[in-house]
């Protein structure tokens, strides 16, 4: 079941934080605002049908791409090509907030292959 906020936008609360969908009206892209709580991280994952572009709004994210680590702070971004193993970690004591632009042919949550997960969701 889809949960909607007071503006009618889809959102979901996850063990690591939450996301809200800002735009999903186009056939070739989707935009989310993602919040990662202090000390939490997303699953190490990859997608077969979409690339992602993460723009950090606040906080400092540790982003892992195919095993390499990058520190990404406010006003900076990182590209994640299709098929790239990736995760965002929040190793700080404040929230990390970033805007995710997905580009591709399919944007369902089932286009996620979880390689590692802190919450028992790896495949």
PDB file of N, CA and C in Angstrom:
ATOM      1  N   UNK A   1       0.836  -1.184   0.000  1.00  0.00           N
ATOM      2  CA  UNK A   1       0.000   0.000   0.000  1.00  0.00           C
ATOM      3  C   UNK A   1       0.882   1.251   0.000  1.00  0.00           C
ATOM      4  N   UNK A   2       0.550   2.192  -0.845  1.00  0.00           N
ATOM      5  CA  UNK A   2       1.293   3.436  -0.940  1.00  0.00           C
ATOM      6  C   UNK A   2       0.833   4.396   0.152  1.00  0.00           C
ATOM      7  N   UNK A   3       1.779   4.994   0.839  1.00  0.00           N
ATOM      8  CA  UNK A   3       1.475   6.003   1.848  1.00  0.00           C
ATOM      9  C   UNK A   3       1.676   7.368   1.214  1.00  0.00           C
ATOM     10  N   UNK A   4       0.751   8.291   1.497  1.00  0.00           N
ATOM     11  CA  UNK A   4       0.818   9.641   0.929  1.00  0.00           C
ATOM     12  C   UNK A   4       0.932  10.672   2.046  1.00  0.00           C
ATOM     13  N   UNK A   5       1.692  11.734   1.773  1.00  0.00           N
ATOM     14  CA  UNK A   5       1.786  12.814   2.754  1.00  0.00           C
ATOM     15  C   UNK A   5       0.647  13.801   2.539  1.00  0.00           C
ATOM     16  N   UNK A   6       0.656  14.912   3.281  1.00  0.00           N
ATOM     17  CA  UNK A   6      -0.430  15.891   3.216  1.00  0.00           C
ATOM     18  C   UNK A   6      -0.538  16.574   1.858  1.00  0.00           C
ATOM     19  N   UNK A   7       0.506  16.491   1.042  1.00  0.00           N
ATOM     20  CA  UNK A   7       0.480  17.050  -0.309  1.00  0.00           C
ATOM     21  C   UNK A   7       0.162  15.996  -1.365  1.00  0.00           C
ATOM     22  N   UNK A   8      -0.105  14.761  -0.933  1.00  0.00           N
ATOM     23  CA  UNK A   8      -0.438  13.681  -1.850  1.00  0.00           C
ATOM     24  C   UNK A   8       0.758  12.969  -2.445  1.00  0.00           C
ATOM     25  N   UNK A   9       1.957  13.258  -1.933  1.00  0.00           N
ATOM     26  CA  UNK A   9       3.169  12.631  -2.469  1.00  0.00           C
ATOM     27  C   UNK A   9       3.416  11.287  -1.797  1.00  0.00           C
ATOM     28  N   UNK A  10       3.876  10.325  -2.585  1.00  0.00           N
ATOM     29  CA  UNK A  10       4.241   9.007  -2.052  1.00  0.00           C
ATOM     30  C   UNK A  10       5.461   9.136  -1.149  1.00  0.00           C
ATOM     31  N   UNK A  11       5.423   8.454  -0.010  1.00  0.00           N
ATOM     32  CA  UNK A  11       6.593   8.407   0.862  1.00  0.00           C
ATOM     33  C   UNK A  11       6.651   7.064   1.565  1.00  0.00           C
ATOM     34  N   UNK A  12       7.821   6.763   2.121  1.00  0.00           N
ATOM     35  CA  UNK A  12       7.990   5.520   2.871  1.00  0.00           C
ATOM     36  C   UNK A  12       9.035   5.745   3.955  1.00  0.00           C
ATOM     37  N   UNK A  13       8.755   5.219   5.133  1.00  0.00           N
ATOM     38  CA  UNK A  13       9.709   5.245   6.233  1.00  0.00           C
ATOM     39  C   UNK A  13      10.434   3.912   6.221  1.00  0.00           C
ATOM     40  N   UNK A  14      11.755   3.960   6.224  1.00  0.00           N
ATOM     41  CA  UNK A  14      12.596   2.770   6.166  1.00  0.00           C
ATOM     42  C   UNK A  14      13.427   2.673   7.441  1.00  0.00           C
ATOM     43  N   UNK A  15      14.079   1.540   7.690  1.00  0.00           N
ATOM     44  CA  UNK A  15      14.907   1.416   8.900  1.00  0.00           C
ATOM     45  C   UNK A  15      16.066   2.418   8.955  1.00  0.00           C
ATOM     46  N   UNK A  16      16.505   2.897   7.813  1.00  0.00           N
ATOM     47  CA  UNK A  16      17.621   3.837   7.725  1.00  0.00           C
ATOM     48  C   UNK A  16      17.184   5.300   7.695  1.00  0.00           C
ATOM     49  N   UNK A  17      15.898   5.567   7.484  1.00  0.00           N
ATOM     50  CA  UNK A  17      15.405   6.936   7.352  1.00  0.00           C
ATOM     51  C   UNK A  17      14.097   6.963   6.600  1.00  0.00           C
ATOM     52  N   UNK A  18      13.997   7.794   5.553  1.00  0.00           N
ATOM     53  CA  UNK A  18      12.762   7.865   4.771  1.00  0.00           C
ATOM     54  C   UNK A  18      13.026   8.510   3.412  1.00  0.00           C
ATOM     55  N   UNK A  19      12.022   8.352   2.516  1.00  0.00           N
ATOM     56  CA  UNK A  19      12.066   9.075   1.248  1.00  0.00           C
ATOM     57  C   UNK A  19      10.679   9.584   0.906  1.00  0.00           C
ATOM     58  N   UNK A  20      10.632  10.635   0.101  1.00  0.00           N
ATOM     59  CA  UNK A  20       9.386  11.146  -0.454  1.00  0.00           C
ATOM     60  C   UNK A  20       9.618  11.347  -1.952  1.00  0.00           C
ATOM     61  N   UNK A  21       8.639  10.939  -2.755  1.00  0.00           N
ATOM     62  CA  UNK A  21       8.728  11.095  -4.208  1.00  0.00           C
ATOM     63  C   UNK A  21       8.300  12.518  -4.560  1.00  0.00           C
ATOM     64  N   UNK A  22       9.193  13.257  -5.195  1.00  0.00           N
ATOM     65  CA  UNK A  22       8.905  14.634  -5.594  1.00  0.00           C
ATOM     66  C   UNK A  22       8.281  14.710  -6.977  1.00  0.00           C
ATOM     67  N   UNK A  23       8.659  13.786  -7.867  1.00  0.00           N
ATOM     68  CA  UNK A  23       8.115  13.776  -9.229  1.00  0.00           C
ATOM     69  C   UNK A  23       8.227  12.373  -9.806  1.00  0.00           C
ATOM     70  N   UNK A  24       7.101  11.855 -10.268  1.00  0.00           N
ATOM     71  CA  UNK A  24       7.107  10.553 -10.958  1.00  0.00           C
ATOM     72  C   UNK A  24       6.148  10.576 -12.142  1.00  0.00           C
ATOM     73  N   UNK A  25       6.011  11.741 -12.771  1.00  0.00           N
ATOM     74  CA  UNK A  25       5.046  11.898 -13.856  1.00  0.00           C
ATOM     75  C   UNK A  25       5.626  11.640 -15.243  1.00  0.00           C
ATOM     76  N   UNK A  26       6.939  11.592 -15.378  1.00  0.00           N
ATOM     77  CA  UNK A  26       7.574  11.396 -16.684  1.00  0.00           C
ATOM     78  C   UNK A  26       7.919   9.926 -16.895  1.00  0.00           C
ATOM     79  N   UNK A  27       7.941   9.465 -18.145  1.00  0.00           N
ATOM     80  CA  UNK A  27       8.252   8.058 -18.401  1.00  0.00           C
ATOM     81  C   UNK A  27       9.736   7.710 -18.277  1.00  0.00           C
ATOM     82  N   UNK A  28      10.624   8.727 -18.292  1.00  0.00           N
ATOM     83  CA  UNK A  28      12.059   8.437 -18.318  1.00  0.00           C
ATOM     84  C   UNK A  28      12.818   8.870 -17.068  1.00  0.00           C
ATOM     85  N   UNK A  29      12.120   9.424 -16.050  1.00  0.00           N
ATOM     86  CA  UNK A  29      12.818   9.791 -14.820  1.00  0.00           C
ATOM     87  C   UNK A  29      11.863   9.872 -13.630  1.00  0.00           C
ATOM     88  N   UNK A  30      12.467   9.816 -12.432  1.00  0.00           N
ATOM     89  CA  UNK A  30      11.739   9.913 -11.168  1.00  0.00           C
ATOM     90  C   UNK A  30      12.645  10.658 -10.198  1.00  0.00           C
ATOM     91  N   UNK A  31      12.057  11.490  -9.328  1.00  0.00           N
ATOM     92  CA  UNK A  31      12.841  12.301  -8.399  1.00  0.00           C
ATOM     93  C   UNK A  31      12.369  12.047  -6.970  1.00  0.00           C
ATOM     94  N   UNK A  32      13.330  11.782  -6.065  1.00  0.00           N
ATOM     95  CA  UNK A  32      13.033  11.541  -4.648  1.00  0.00           C
ATOM     96  C   UNK A  32      13.881  12.455  -3.767  1.00  0.00           C
ATOM     97  N   UNK A  33      13.354  12.754  -2.590  1.00  0.00           N
ATOM     98  CA  UNK A  33      14.124  13.393  -1.510  1.00  0.00           C
ATOM     99  C   UNK A  33      14.350  12.307  -0.473  1.00  0.00           C
ATOM    100  N   UNK A  34      15.614  12.047  -0.138  1.00  0.00           N
ATOM    101  CA  UNK A  34      15.968  10.936   0.744  1.00  0.00           C
ATOM    102  C   UNK A  34      16.659  11.476   1.990  1.00  0.00           C
ATOM    103  N   UNK A  35      16.238  10.967   3.151  1.00  0.00           N
ATOM    104  CA  UNK A  35      16.838  11.336   4.431  1.00  0.00           C
ATOM    105  C   UNK A  35      17.454  10.083   5.043  1.00  0.00           C
ATOM    106  N   UNK A  36      18.755  10.145   5.356  1.00  0.00           N
ATOM    107  CA  UNK A  36      19.450   9.032   6.006  1.00  0.00           C
ATOM    108  C   UNK A  36      19.809   9.492   7.423  1.00  0.00           C
ATOM    109  N   UNK A  37      19.315   8.759   8.403  1.00  0.00           N
ATOM    110  CA  UNK A  37      19.521   9.127   9.801  1.00  0.00           C
ATOM    111  C   UNK A  37      20.974   8.874  10.230  1.00  0.00           C
ATOM    112  N   UNK A  38      21.438   9.587  11.268  1.00  0.00           N
ATOM    113  CA  UNK A  38      22.810   9.399  11.761  1.00  0.00           C
ATOM    114  C   UNK A  38      23.111   7.932  12.093  1.00  0.00           C
ATOM    115  N   UNK A  39      24.274   7.462  11.642  1.00  0.00           N
ATOM    116  CA  UNK A  39      24.705   6.097  11.923  1.00  0.00           C
ATOM    117  C   UNK A  39      24.041   5.025  11.078  1.00  0.00           C
ATOM    118  N   UNK A  40      23.209   5.412  10.125  1.00  0.00           N
ATOM    119  CA  UNK A  40      22.491   4.444   9.284  1.00  0.00           C
ATOM    120  C   UNK A  40      23.064   4.453   7.871  1.00  0.00           C
ATOM    121  N   UNK A  41      22.680   3.432   7.108  1.00  0.00           N
ATOM    122  CA  UNK A  41      23.101   3.364   5.716  1.00  0.00           C
ATOM    123  C   UNK A  41      22.090   2.577   4.905  1.00  0.00           C
ATOM    124  N   UNK A  42      22.030   2.905   3.618  1.00  0.00           N
ATOM    125  CA  UNK A  42      21.182   2.174   2.692  1.00  0.00           C
ATOM    126  C   UNK A  42      21.842   0.839   2.380  1.00  0.00           C
ATOM    127  N   UNK A  43      21.078  -0.071   1.812  1.00  0.00           N
ATOM    128  CA  UNK A  43      21.660  -1.342   1.404  1.00  0.00           C
ATOM    129  C   UNK A  43      22.665  -1.101   0.273  1.00  0.00           C
ATOM    130  N   UNK A  44      23.649  -1.990   0.176  1.00  0.00           N
ATOM    131  CA  UNK A  44      24.601  -1.971  -0.931  1.00  0.00           C
ATOM    132  C   UNK A  44      23.869  -2.662  -2.064  1.00  0.00           C
ATOM    133  N   UNK A  45      23.575  -1.928  -3.131  1.00  0.00           N
ATOM    134  CA  UNK A  45      22.622  -2.401  -4.129  1.00  0.00           C
ATOM    135  C   UNK A  45      23.028  -1.983  -5.530  1.00  0.00           C
ATOM    136  N   UNK A  46      22.304  -2.528  -6.499  1.00  0.00           N
ATOM    137  CA  UNK A  46      22.479  -2.117  -7.884  1.00  0.00           C
ATOM    138  C   UNK A  46      21.143  -2.224  -8.602  1.00  0.00           C
ATOM    139  N   UNK A  47      21.061  -1.544  -9.751  1.00  0.00           N
ATOM    140  CA  UNK A  47      19.834  -1.516 -10.541  1.00  0.00           C
ATOM    141  C   UNK A  47      20.148  -1.907 -11.986  1.00  0.00           C
ATOM    142  N   UNK A  48      19.229  -2.630 -12.604  1.00  0.00           N
ATOM    143  CA  UNK A  48      19.418  -3.068 -13.987  1.00  0.00           C
ATOM    144  C   UNK A  48      18.825  -2.094 -14.998  1.00  0.00           C
ATOM    145  N   UNK A  49      17.856  -1.266 -14.562  1.00  0.00           N
ATOM    146  CA  UNK A  49      17.105  -0.468 -15.527  1.00  0.00           C
ATOM    147  C   UNK A  49      17.164   1.028 -15.298  1.00  0.00           C
ATOM    148  N   UNK A  50      18.011   1.477 -14.379  1.00  0.00           N
ATOM    149  CA  UNK A  50      18.094   2.916 -14.138  1.00  0.00           C
ATOM    150  C   UNK A  50      19.461   3.329 -13.606  1.00  0.00           C
ATOM    151  N   UNK A  51      19.844   4.544 -13.965  1.00  0.00           N
ATOM    152  CA  UNK A  51      20.992   5.206 -13.348  1.00  0.00           C
ATOM    153  C   UNK A  51      20.442   6.168 -12.305  1.00  0.00           C
ATOM    154  N   UNK A  52      21.330   6.658 -11.430  1.00  0.00           N
ATOM    155  CA  UNK A  52      20.903   7.613 -10.414  1.00  0.00           C
ATOM    156  C   UNK A  52      21.926   8.736 -10.312  1.00  0.00           C
ATOM    157  N   UNK A  53      21.427   9.907  -9.953  1.00  0.00           N
ATOM    158  CA  UNK A  53      22.268  11.075  -9.685  1.00  0.00           C
ATOM    159  C   UNK A  53      21.861  11.580  -8.309  1.00  0.00           C
ATOM    160  N   UNK A  54      22.815  11.621  -7.377  1.00  0.00           N
ATOM    161  CA  UNK A  54      22.535  12.067  -6.008  1.00  0.00           C
ATOM    162  C   UNK A  54      23.141  13.448  -5.792  1.00  0.00           C
ATOM    163  N   UNK A  55      22.298  14.402  -5.376  1.00  0.00           N
ATOM    164  CA  UNK A  55      22.738  15.759  -5.043  1.00  0.00           C
ATOM    165  C   UNK A  55      22.525  15.966  -3.553  1.00  0.00           C
ATOM    166  N   UNK A  56      23.606  16.144  -2.808  1.00  0.00           N
ATOM    167  CA  UNK A  56      23.513  16.281  -1.353  1.00  0.00           C
ATOM    168  C   UNK A  56      23.077  17.701  -1.004  1.00  0.00           C
ATOM    169  N   UNK A  57      22.004  17.783  -0.215  1.00  0.00           N
ATOM    170  CA  UNK A  57      21.443  19.059   0.219  1.00  0.00           C
ATOM    171  C   UNK A  57      22.013  19.458   1.576  1.00  0.00           C
ATOM    172  N   UNK A  58      22.098  18.494   2.497  1.00  0.00           N
ATOM    173  CA  UNK A  58      22.678  18.782   3.811  1.00  0.00           C
ATOM    174  C   UNK A  58      23.318  17.535   4.392  1.00  0.00           C
ATOM    175  N   UNK A  59      24.291  17.760   5.261  1.00  0.00           N
ATOM    176  CA  UNK A  59      25.039  16.654   5.840  1.00  0.00           C
ATOM    177  C   UNK A  59      26.169  16.221   4.916  1.00  0.00           C
ATOM    178  N   UNK A  60      26.939  15.256   5.382  1.00  0.00           N
ATOM    179  CA  UNK A  60      28.024  14.692   4.580  1.00  0.00           C
ATOM    180  C   UNK A  60      27.789  13.203   4.419  1.00  0.00           C
ATOM    181  N   UNK A  61      27.615  12.783   3.177  1.00  0.00           N
ATOM    182  CA  UNK A  61      27.360  11.380   2.859  1.00  0.00           C
ATOM    183  C   UNK A  61      28.664  10.682   2.512  1.00  0.00           C
ATOM    184  N   UNK A  62      28.800   9.448   2.960  1.00  0.00           N
ATOM    185  CA  UNK A  62      29.855   8.574   2.471  1.00  0.00           C
ATOM    186  C   UNK A  62      29.189   7.679   1.439  1.00  0.00           C
ATOM    187  N   UNK A  63      29.606   7.811   0.189  1.00  0.00           N
ATOM    188  CA  UNK A  63      29.006   7.055  -0.908  1.00  0.00           C
ATOM    189  C   UNK A  63      30.005   6.001  -1.362  1.00  0.00           C
ATOM    190  N   UNK A  64      29.535   4.767  -1.465  1.00  0.00           N
ATOM    191  CA  UNK A  64      30.374   3.670  -1.941  1.00  0.00           C
ATOM    192  C   UNK A  64      29.891   3.287  -3.334  1.00  0.00           C
ATOM    193  N   UNK A  65      30.819   3.316  -4.306  1.00  0.00           N
ATOM    194  CA  UNK A  65      30.533   2.911  -5.686  1.00  0.00           C
ATOM    195  C   UNK A  65      31.501   1.804  -6.061  1.00  0.00           C
ATOM    196  N   UNK A  66      30.987   0.609  -6.282  1.00  0.00           N
ATOM    197  CA  UNK A  66      31.830  -0.538  -6.639  1.00  0.00           C
ATOM    198  C   UNK A  66      33.033  -0.670  -5.702  1.00  0.00           C
ATOM    199  N   UNK A  67      32.811  -0.450  -4.409  1.00  0.00           N
ATOM    200  CA  UNK A  67      33.850  -0.626  -3.406  1.00  0.00           C
ATOM    201  C   UNK A  67      34.694   0.601  -3.099  1.00  0.00           C
ATOM    202  N   UNK A  68      34.652   1.626  -3.944  1.00  0.00           N
ATOM    203  CA  UNK A  68      35.414   2.859  -3.705  1.00  0.00           C
ATOM    204  C   UNK A  68      34.565   3.841  -2.901  1.00  0.00           C
ATOM    205  N   UNK A  69      35.187   4.529  -1.928  1.00  0.00           N
ATOM    206  CA  UNK A  69      34.469   5.467  -1.060  1.00  0.00           C
ATOM    207  C   UNK A  69      34.695   6.910  -1.492  1.00  0.00           C
ATOM    208  N   UNK A  70      33.613   7.703  -1.415  1.00  0.00           N
ATOM    209  CA  UNK A  70      33.657   9.124  -1.732  1.00  0.00           C
ATOM    210  C   UNK A  70      32.901   9.882  -0.649  1.00  0.00           C
ATOM    211  N   UNK A  71      33.463  10.996  -0.188  1.00  0.00           N
ATOM    212  CA  UNK A  71      32.757  11.882   0.739  1.00  0.00           C
ATOM    213  C   UNK A  71      32.059  12.944  -0.107  1.00  0.00           C
ATOM    214  N   UNK A  72      30.744  13.093   0.081  1.00  0.00           N
ATOM    215  CA  UNK A  72      29.967  14.041  -0.714  1.00  0.00           C
ATOM    216  C   UNK A  72      29.218  14.966   0.236  1.00  0.00           C
ATOM    217  N   UNK A  73      29.530  16.257   0.159  1.00  0.00           N
ATOM    218  CA  UNK A  73      28.927  17.230   1.056  1.00  0.00           C
ATOM    219  C   UNK A  73      27.887  18.091   0.368  1.00  0.00           C
ATOM    220  N   UNK A  74      27.294  19.012   1.110  1.00  0.00           N
ATOM    221  CA  UNK A  74      26.243  19.885   0.577  1.00  0.00           C
ATOM    222  C   UNK A  74      26.696  20.630  -0.679  1.00  0.00           C
ATOM    223  N   UNK A  75      25.821  20.632  -1.677  1.00  0.00           N
ATOM    224  CA  UNK A  75      26.120  21.312  -2.930  1.00  0.00           C
ATOM    225  C   UNK A  75      26.896  20.480  -3.923  1.00  0.00           C
ATOM    226  N   UNK A  76      27.240  19.251  -3.548  1.00  0.00           N
ATOM    227  CA  UNK A  76      27.991  18.367  -4.442  1.00  0.00           C
ATOM    228  C   UNK A  76      27.134  17.157  -4.809  1.00  0.00           C
ATOM    229  N   UNK A  77      27.540  16.485  -5.875  1.00  0.00           N
ATOM    230  CA  UNK A  77      26.738  15.364  -6.366  1.00  0.00           C
ATOM    231  C   UNK A  77      27.623  14.238  -6.859  1.00  0.00           C
ATOM    232  N   UNK A  78      26.977  13.115  -7.127  1.00  0.00           N
ATOM    233  CA  UNK A  78      27.689  11.938  -7.627  1.00  0.00           C
ATOM    234  C   UNK A  78      26.760  11.173  -8.560  1.00  0.00           C
ATOM    235  N   UNK A  79      27.317  10.634  -9.636  1.00  0.00           N
ATOM    236  CA  UNK A  79      26.551   9.852 -10.607  1.00  0.00           C
ATOM    237  C   UNK A  79      26.754   8.366 -10.366  1.00  0.00           C
ATOM    238  N   UNK A  80      25.665   7.616 -10.515  1.00  0.00           N
ATOM    239  CA  UNK A  80      25.686   6.169 -10.319  1.00  0.00           C
ATOM    240  C   UNK A  80      25.162   5.519 -11.605  1.00  0.00           C
ATOM    241  N   UNK A  81      26.046   5.016 -12.467  1.00  0.00           N
ATOM    242  CA  UNK A  81      25.602   4.392 -13.713  1.00  0.00           C
ATOM    243  C   UNK A  81      24.801   3.103 -13.476  1.00  0.00           C
ATOM    244  N   UNK A  82      24.020   2.722 -14.460  1.00  0.00           N
ATOM    245  CA  UNK A  82      23.267   1.468 -14.419  1.00  0.00           C
ATOM    246  C   UNK A  82      24.218   0.324 -14.085  1.00  0.00           C
ATOM    247  N   UNK A  83      23.805  -0.558 -13.183  1.00  0.00           N
ATOM    248  CA  UNK A  83      24.586  -1.737 -12.835  1.00  0.00           C
ATOM    249  C   UNK A  83      25.678  -1.526 -11.807  1.00  0.00           C
ATOM    250  N   UNK A  84      25.907  -0.290 -11.383  1.00  0.00           N
ATOM    251  CA  UNK A  84      26.958   0.011 -10.407  1.00  0.00           C
ATOM    252  C   UNK A  84      26.489  -0.327  -8.994  1.00  0.00           C
ATOM    253  N   UNK A  85      27.278  -1.087  -8.260  1.00  0.00           N
ATOM    254  CA  UNK A  85      26.965  -1.368  -6.854  1.00  0.00           C
ATOM    255  C   UNK A  85      27.197  -0.083  -6.065  1.00  0.00           C
ATOM    256  N   UNK A  86      26.216   0.291  -5.232  1.00  0.00           N
ATOM    257  CA  UNK A  86      26.308   1.570  -4.531  1.00  0.00           C
ATOM    258  C   UNK A  86      25.556   1.558  -3.207  1.00  0.00           C
ATOM    259  N   UNK A  87      25.945   2.486  -2.340  1.00  0.00           N
ATOM    260  CA  UNK A  87      25.228   2.711  -1.082  1.00  0.00           C
ATOM    261  C   UNK A  87      25.589   4.104  -0.572  1.00  0.00           C
ATOM    262  N   UNK A  88      24.687   4.645   0.238  1.00  0.00           N
ATOM    263  CA  UNK A  88      24.937   5.887   0.958  1.00  0.00           C
ATOM    264  C   UNK A  88      25.011   5.553   2.433  1.00  0.00           C
ATOM    265  N   UNK A  89      26.068   6.020   3.094  1.00  0.00           N
ATOM    266  CA  UNK A  89      26.223   5.830   4.534  1.00  0.00           C
ATOM    267  C   UNK A  89      26.244   7.194   5.207  1.00  0.00           C
ATOM    268  N   UNK A  90      25.649   7.261   6.390  1.00  0.00           N
ATOM    269  CA  UNK A  90      25.725   8.471   7.199  1.00  0.00           C
ATOM    270  C   UNK A  90      26.562   8.151   8.429  1.00  0.00           C
ATOM    271  N   UNK A  91      27.816   8.539   8.393  1.00  0.00           N
ATOM    272  CA  UNK A  91      28.739   8.274   9.501  1.00  0.00           C
ATOM    273  C   UNK A  91      28.815   9.457  10.470  1.00  0.00           C
ATOM    274  N   UNK A  92      27.896  10.405  10.334  1.00  0.00           N
ATOM    275  CA  UNK A  92      27.919  11.615  11.154  1.00  0.00           C
ATOM    276  C   UNK A  92      26.800  11.578  12.195  1.00  0.00           C
ATOM    277  N   UNK A  93      26.677  12.665  12.934  1.00  0.00           N
ATOM    278  CA  UNK A  93      25.654  12.765  13.975  1.00  0.00           C
ATOM    279  C   UNK A  93      24.484  13.641  13.565  1.00  0.00           C
ATOM    280  N   UNK A  94      24.434  14.039  12.285  1.00  0.00           N
ATOM    281  CA  UNK A  94      23.304  14.806  11.762  1.00  0.00           C
ATOM    282  C   UNK A  94      22.751  14.088  10.535  1.00  0.00           C
ATOM    283  N   UNK A  95      21.508  14.393  10.180  1.00  0.00           N
ATOM    284  CA  UNK A  95      20.892  13.757   9.014  1.00  0.00           C
ATOM    285  C   UNK A  95      21.658  14.094   7.735  1.00  0.00           C
ATOM    286  N   UNK A  96      21.664  13.140   6.815  1.00  0.00           N
ATOM    287  CA  UNK A  96      22.102  13.385   5.444  1.00  0.00           C
ATOM    288  C   UNK A  96      20.833  13.464   4.605  1.00  0.00           C
ATOM    289  N   UNK A  97      20.693  14.544   3.853  1.00  0.00           N
ATOM    290  CA  UNK A  97      19.538  14.715   2.972  1.00  0.00           C
ATOM    291  C   UNK A  97      20.064  14.906   1.558  1.00  0.00           C
ATOM    292  N   UNK A  98      19.534  14.103   0.623  1.00  0.00           N
ATOM    293  CA  UNK A  98      19.935  14.272  -0.768  1.00  0.00           C
ATOM    294  C   UNK A  98      18.743  14.087  -1.691  1.00  0.00           C
ATOM    295  N   UNK A  99      18.856  14.685  -2.871  1.00  0.00           N
ATOM    296  CA  UNK A  99      17.852  14.533  -3.916  1.00  0.00           C
ATOM    297  C   UNK A  99      18.393  13.507  -4.900  1.00  0.00           C
ATOM    298  N   UNK A 100      17.560  12.517  -5.183  1.00  0.00           N
ATOM    299  CA  UNK A 100      17.939  11.442  -6.102  1.00  0.00           C
ATOM    300  C   UNK A 100      17.138  11.594  -7.388  1.00  0.00           C
ATOM    301  N   UNK A 101      17.839  11.703  -8.511  1.00  0.00           N
ATOM    302  CA  UNK A 101      17.189  11.707  -9.817  1.00  0.00           C
ATOM    303  C   UNK A 101      17.494  10.368 -10.473  1.00  0.00           C
ATOM    304  N   UNK A 102      16.446   9.593 -10.692  1.00  0.00           N
ATOM    305  CA  UNK A 102      16.581   8.304 -11.374  1.00  0.00           C
ATOM    306  C   UNK A 102      16.295   8.529 -12.856  1.00  0.00           C
ATOM    307  N   UNK A 103      17.088   7.925 -13.724  1.00  0.00           N
ATOM    308  CA  UNK A 103      16.869   8.043 -15.164  1.00  0.00           C
ATOM    309  C   UNK A 103      16.954   6.656 -15.779  1.00  0.00           C
ATOM    310  N   UNK A 104      15.957   6.292 -16.578  1.00  0.00           N
ATOM    311  CA  UNK A 104      15.974   4.977 -17.198  1.00  0.00           C
ATOM    312  C   UNK A 104      14.626   4.590 -17.757  1.00  0.00           C
ATOM    313  N   UNK A 105      14.375   3.277 -17.736  1.00  0.00           N
ATOM    314  CA  UNK A 105      13.156   2.744 -18.345  1.00  0.00           C
ATOM    315  C   UNK A 105      12.177   2.171 -17.337  1.00  0.00           C
ATOM    316  N   UNK A 106      12.617   1.982 -16.085  1.00  0.00           N
ATOM    317  CA  UNK A 106      11.747   1.394 -15.065  1.00  0.00           C
ATOM    318  C   UNK A 106      12.226   1.848 -13.691  1.00  0.00           C
ATOM    319  N   UNK A 107      11.275   2.202 -12.811  1.00  0.00           N
ATOM    320  CA  UNK A 107      11.641   2.803 -11.529  1.00  0.00           C
ATOM    321  C   UNK A 107      11.028   2.102 -10.329  1.00  0.00           C
ATOM    322  N   UNK A 108      10.515   0.898 -10.513  1.00  0.00           N
ATOM    323  CA  UNK A 108       9.914   0.161  -9.411  1.00  0.00           C
ATOM    324  C   UNK A 108      10.940  -0.242  -8.367  1.00  0.00           C
ATOM    325  N   UNK A 109      10.467  -0.376  -7.122  1.00  0.00           N
ATOM    326  CA  UNK A 109      11.347  -0.788  -6.028  1.00  0.00           C
ATOM    327  C   UNK A 109      11.860  -2.220  -6.229  1.00  0.00           C
ATOM    328  N   UNK A 110      11.249  -2.970  -7.160  1.00  0.00           N
ATOM    329  CA  UNK A 110      11.730  -4.330  -7.429  1.00  0.00           C
ATOM    330  C   UNK A 110      12.919  -4.349  -8.402  1.00  0.00           C
ATOM    331  N   UNK A 111      13.367  -3.174  -8.867  1.00  0.00           N
ATOM    332  CA  UNK A 111      14.610  -3.098  -9.646  1.00  0.00           C
ATOM    333  C   UNK A 111      15.773  -2.782  -8.702  1.00  0.00           C
ATOM    334  N   UNK A 112      15.791  -3.487  -7.583  1.00  0.00           N
ATOM    335  CA  UNK A 112      16.868  -3.350  -6.606  1.00  0.00           C
ATOM    336  C   UNK A 112      17.413  -4.742  -6.313  1.00  0.00           C
ATOM    337  N   UNK A 113      18.690  -4.942  -6.581  1.00  0.00           N
ATOM    338  CA  UNK A 113      19.371  -6.159  -6.156  1.00  0.00           C
ATOM    339  C   UNK A 113      20.204  -5.765  -4.949  1.00  0.00           C
ATOM    340  N   UNK A 114      19.807  -6.245  -3.772  1.00  0.00           N
ATOM    341  CA  UNK A 114      20.525  -5.909  -2.538  1.00  0.00           C
ATOM    342  C   UNK A 114      21.673  -6.893  -2.348  1.00  0.00           C
ATOM    343  N   UNK A 115      22.892  -6.388  -2.401  1.00  0.00           N
ATOM    344  CA  UNK A 115      24.083  -7.210  -2.245  1.00  0.00           C
ATOM    345  C   UNK A 115      24.446  -7.385  -0.775  1.00  0.00           C
ATOM    346  N   UNK A 116      24.227  -6.335   0.027  1.00  0.00           N
ATOM    347  CA  UNK A 116      24.426  -6.352   1.485  1.00  0.00           C
ATOM    348  C   UNK A 116      23.351  -5.474   2.098  1.00  0.00           C
ATOM    349  N   UNK A 117      22.889  -5.851   3.291  1.00  0.00           N
ATOM    350  CA  UNK A 117      21.844  -5.062   3.937  1.00  0.00           C
ATOM    351  C   UNK A 117      21.898  -5.256   5.444  1.00  0.00           C
ATOM    352  N   UNK A 118      21.823  -4.161   6.187  1.00  0.00           N
ATOM    353  CA  UNK A 118      21.868  -4.217   7.650  1.00  0.00           C
ATOM    354  C   UNK A 118      20.559  -4.698   8.264  1.00  0.00           C
ATOM    355  N   UNK A 119      19.514  -4.811   7.448  1.00  0.00           N
ATOM    356  CA  UNK A 119      18.182  -5.099   7.968  1.00  0.00           C
ATOM    357  C   UNK A 119      17.607  -6.410   7.435  1.00  0.00           C
ATOM    358  N   UNK A 120      18.482  -7.315   6.967  1.00  0.00           N
ATOM    359  CA  UNK A 120      18.061  -8.644   6.547  1.00  0.00           C
ATOM    360  C   UNK A 120      17.324  -8.708   5.231  1.00  0.00           C
ATOM    361  N   UNK A 121      17.525  -7.723   4.343  1.00  0.00           N
ATOM    362  CA  UNK A 121      16.806  -7.711   3.068  1.00  0.00           C
ATOM    363  C   UNK A 121      17.677  -8.101   1.877  1.00  0.00           C
ATOM    364  N   UNK A 122      18.922  -8.512   2.099  1.00  0.00           N
ATOM    365  CA  UNK A 122      19.803  -8.883   0.980  1.00  0.00           C
ATOM    366  C   UNK A 122      19.278 -10.139   0.301  1.00  0.00           C
ATOM    367  N   UNK A 123      19.523 -10.224  -1.024  1.00  0.00           N
ATOM    368  CA  UNK A 123      19.009 -11.353  -1.799  1.00  0.00           C
ATOM    369  C   UNK A 123      20.048 -12.426  -1.975  1.00  0.00           C
TER     370      UNK A 123
END
